[in-house]
Amino acid sequence: MKTATFDGEARKRPVNLTLNEDLVVQVRGLTNNLSGVVESLLADYVAHERQQRMTKARTLETTISMWNAFNARHGSFADEYSTL
């Protein structure tokens, strides 16, 4: 079971979407609730994107930590050329 990443009780509001007509015809043959299908797909997209961004942030934090540890142990490559 997936965990909702949005307020399922929030009010609904109309939006305009431009969709491929053939695709809409095919979907209408599969469901009477196009809005529900689109909402579900958007929720999955939001959850996936949030996860990707959190993973990227953790990777960056790890890289920064490793670089800082290397720099603390060995100093900066630029130290021998710095005039400061």
C-alpha atoms as a PDB file:
ATOM      1  CA  MET A   1       0.000   0.000   0.000  1.00  0.00           C
ATOM      2  CA  LYS A   2       1.403   3.404  -0.933  1.00  0.00           C
ATOM      3  CA  THR A   3       1.426   6.347   1.433  1.00  0.00           C
ATOM      4  CA  ALA A   4      -0.331   9.494   0.220  1.00  0.00           C
ATOM      5  CA  THR A   5       2.027  12.407  -0.315  1.00  0.00           C
ATOM      6  CA  PHE A   6      -0.798  14.929  -0.510  1.00  0.00           C
ATOM      7  CA  ASP A   7      -3.925  15.930   1.375  1.00  0.00           C
ATOM      8  CA  GLY A   8      -6.590  13.593   0.004  1.00  0.00           C
ATOM      9  CA  GLU A   9      -9.250  15.722   1.690  1.00  0.00           C
ATOM     10  CA  ALA A  10      -8.226  18.948  -0.043  1.00  0.00           C
ATOM     11  CA  ARG A  11     -10.898  20.511  -2.217  1.00  0.00           C
ATOM     12  CA  LYS A  12     -10.938  19.674  -5.900  1.00  0.00           C
ATOM     13  CA  ARG A  13     -10.616  22.405  -8.478  1.00  0.00           C
ATOM     14  CA  PRO A  14     -10.941  22.407 -12.239  1.00  0.00           C
ATOM     15  CA  VAL A  15      -7.811  22.726 -14.365  1.00  0.00           C
ATOM     16  CA  ASN A  16      -7.285  22.843 -18.102  1.00  0.00           C
ATOM     17  CA  LEU A  17      -5.132  20.126 -19.618  1.00  0.00           C
ATOM     18  CA  THR A  18      -4.231  19.558 -23.222  1.00  0.00           C
ATOM     19  CA  LEU A  19      -4.039  15.827 -23.861  1.00  0.00           C
ATOM     20  CA  ASN A  20      -3.627  13.667 -26.931  1.00  0.00           C
ATOM     21  CA  GLU A  21      -7.138  12.963 -28.235  1.00  0.00           C
ATOM     22  CA  ASP A  22      -6.421   9.344 -29.181  1.00  0.00           C
ATOM     23  CA  LEU A  23      -4.960   8.667 -25.752  1.00  0.00           C
ATOM     24  CA  VAL A  24      -8.010  10.187 -24.055  1.00  0.00           C
ATOM     25  CA  VAL A  25     -10.333   7.996 -26.167  1.00  0.00           C
ATOM     26  CA  GLN A  26      -8.349   4.913 -25.154  1.00  0.00           C
ATOM     27  CA  VAL A  27      -8.374   5.871 -21.467  1.00  0.00           C
ATOM     28  CA  ARG A  28     -12.115   6.535 -21.573  1.00  0.00           C
ATOM     29  CA  GLY A  29     -12.505   2.943 -22.725  1.00  0.00           C
ATOM     30  CA  LEU A  30     -10.699   1.799 -19.608  1.00  0.00           C
ATOM     31  CA  THR A  31     -12.133   4.090 -16.917  1.00  0.00           C
ATOM     32  CA  ASN A  32     -15.011   6.437 -16.237  1.00  0.00           C
ATOM     33  CA  ASN A  33     -12.825   8.505 -13.911  1.00  0.00           C
ATOM     34  CA  LEU A  34     -10.142  10.224 -15.983  1.00  0.00           C
ATOM     35  CA  SER A  35      -9.638  12.812 -13.247  1.00  0.00           C
ATOM     36  CA  GLY A  36      -8.972  10.092 -10.693  1.00  0.00           C
ATOM     37  CA  VAL A  37      -6.456   8.389 -12.965  1.00  0.00           C
ATOM     38  CA  VAL A  38      -4.627  11.656 -13.640  1.00  0.00           C
ATOM     39  CA  GLU A  39      -4.644  12.528  -9.926  1.00  0.00           C
ATOM     40  CA  SER A  40      -3.178   9.134  -9.064  1.00  0.00           C
ATOM     41  CA  LEU A  41      -0.478   9.488 -11.720  1.00  0.00           C
ATOM     42  CA  LEU A  42       0.380  12.987 -10.486  1.00  0.00           C
ATOM     43  CA  ALA A  43       0.629  11.728  -6.890  1.00  0.00           C
ATOM     44  CA  ASP A  44       3.011   8.973  -8.027  1.00  0.00           C
ATOM     45  CA  TYR A  45       5.061  11.530  -9.975  1.00  0.00           C
ATOM     46  CA  VAL A  46       5.314  13.859  -6.964  1.00  0.00           C
ATOM     47  CA  ALA A  47       6.389  11.006  -4.675  1.00  0.00           C
ATOM     48  CA  HIS A  48       8.992   9.819  -7.195  1.00  0.00           C
ATOM     49  CA  GLU A  49      10.421  13.300  -7.749  1.00  0.00           C
ATOM     50  CA  ARG A  50      10.612  13.993  -4.007  1.00  0.00           C
ATOM     51  CA  GLN A  51      12.461  10.713  -3.486  1.00  0.00           C
ATOM     52  CA  GLN A  52      14.879  11.500  -6.334  1.00  0.00           C
ATOM     53  CA  ARG A  53      15.602  14.948  -4.900  1.00  0.00           C
ATOM     54  CA  MET A  54      16.154  13.587  -1.397  1.00  0.00           C
ATOM     55  CA  THR A  55      18.521  10.952  -2.779  1.00  0.00           C
ATOM     56  CA  LYS A  56      20.458  13.609  -4.702  1.00  0.00           C
ATOM     57  CA  ALA A  57      20.652  15.832  -1.610  1.00  0.00           C
ATOM     58  CA  ARG A  58      21.995  12.927   0.495  1.00  0.00           C
ATOM     59  CA  THR A  59      24.576  12.136  -2.192  1.00  0.00           C
ATOM     60  CA  LEU A  60      25.712  15.766  -2.263  1.00  0.00           C
ATOM     61  CA  GLU A  61      25.927  15.899   1.540  1.00  0.00           C
ATOM     62  CA  THR A  62      28.029  12.728   1.561  1.00  0.00           C
ATOM     63  CA  THR A  63      30.339  14.078  -1.155  1.00  0.00           C
ATOM     64  CA  ILE A  64      30.785  17.391   0.676  1.00  0.00           C
ATOM     65  CA  SER A  65      31.515  15.564   3.929  1.00  0.00           C
ATOM     66  CA  MET A  66      34.098  13.333   2.244  1.00  0.00           C
ATOM     67  CA  TRP A  67      35.741  16.305   0.530  1.00  0.00           C
ATOM     68  CA  ASN A  68      35.873  18.274   3.791  1.00  0.00           C
ATOM     69  CA  ALA A  69      37.446  15.298   5.579  1.00  0.00           C
ATOM     70  CA  PHE A  70      40.039  14.946   2.793  1.00  0.00           C
ATOM     71  CA  ASN A  71      40.752  18.677   2.935  1.00  0.00           C
ATOM     72  CA  ALA A  72      41.134  18.596   6.730  1.00  0.00           C
ATOM     73  CA  ARG A  73      43.576  15.680   6.485  1.00  0.00           C
ATOM     74  CA  HIS A  74      45.614  16.744   3.448  1.00  0.00           C
ATOM     75  CA  GLY A  75      44.905  20.437   2.943  1.00  0.00           C
ATOM     76  CA  SER A  76      43.798  22.127  -0.248  1.00  0.00           C
ATOM     77  CA  PHE A  77      45.512  21.531  -3.570  1.00  0.00           C
ATOM     78  CA  ALA A  78      45.616  25.305  -4.002  1.00  0.00           C
ATOM     79  CA  ASP A  79      47.476  25.973  -0.723  1.00  0.00           C
ATOM     80  CA  GLU A  80      50.914  25.776  -2.335  1.00  0.00           C
ATOM     81  CA  TYR A  81      49.909  28.405  -4.935  1.00  0.00           C
ATOM     82  CA  SER A  82      47.972  30.787  -2.684  1.00  0.00           C
ATOM     83  CA  THR A  83      49.415  34.228  -1.985  1.00  0.00           C
ATOM     84  CA  LEU A  84      46.910  34.894   0.788  1.00  0.00           C
END
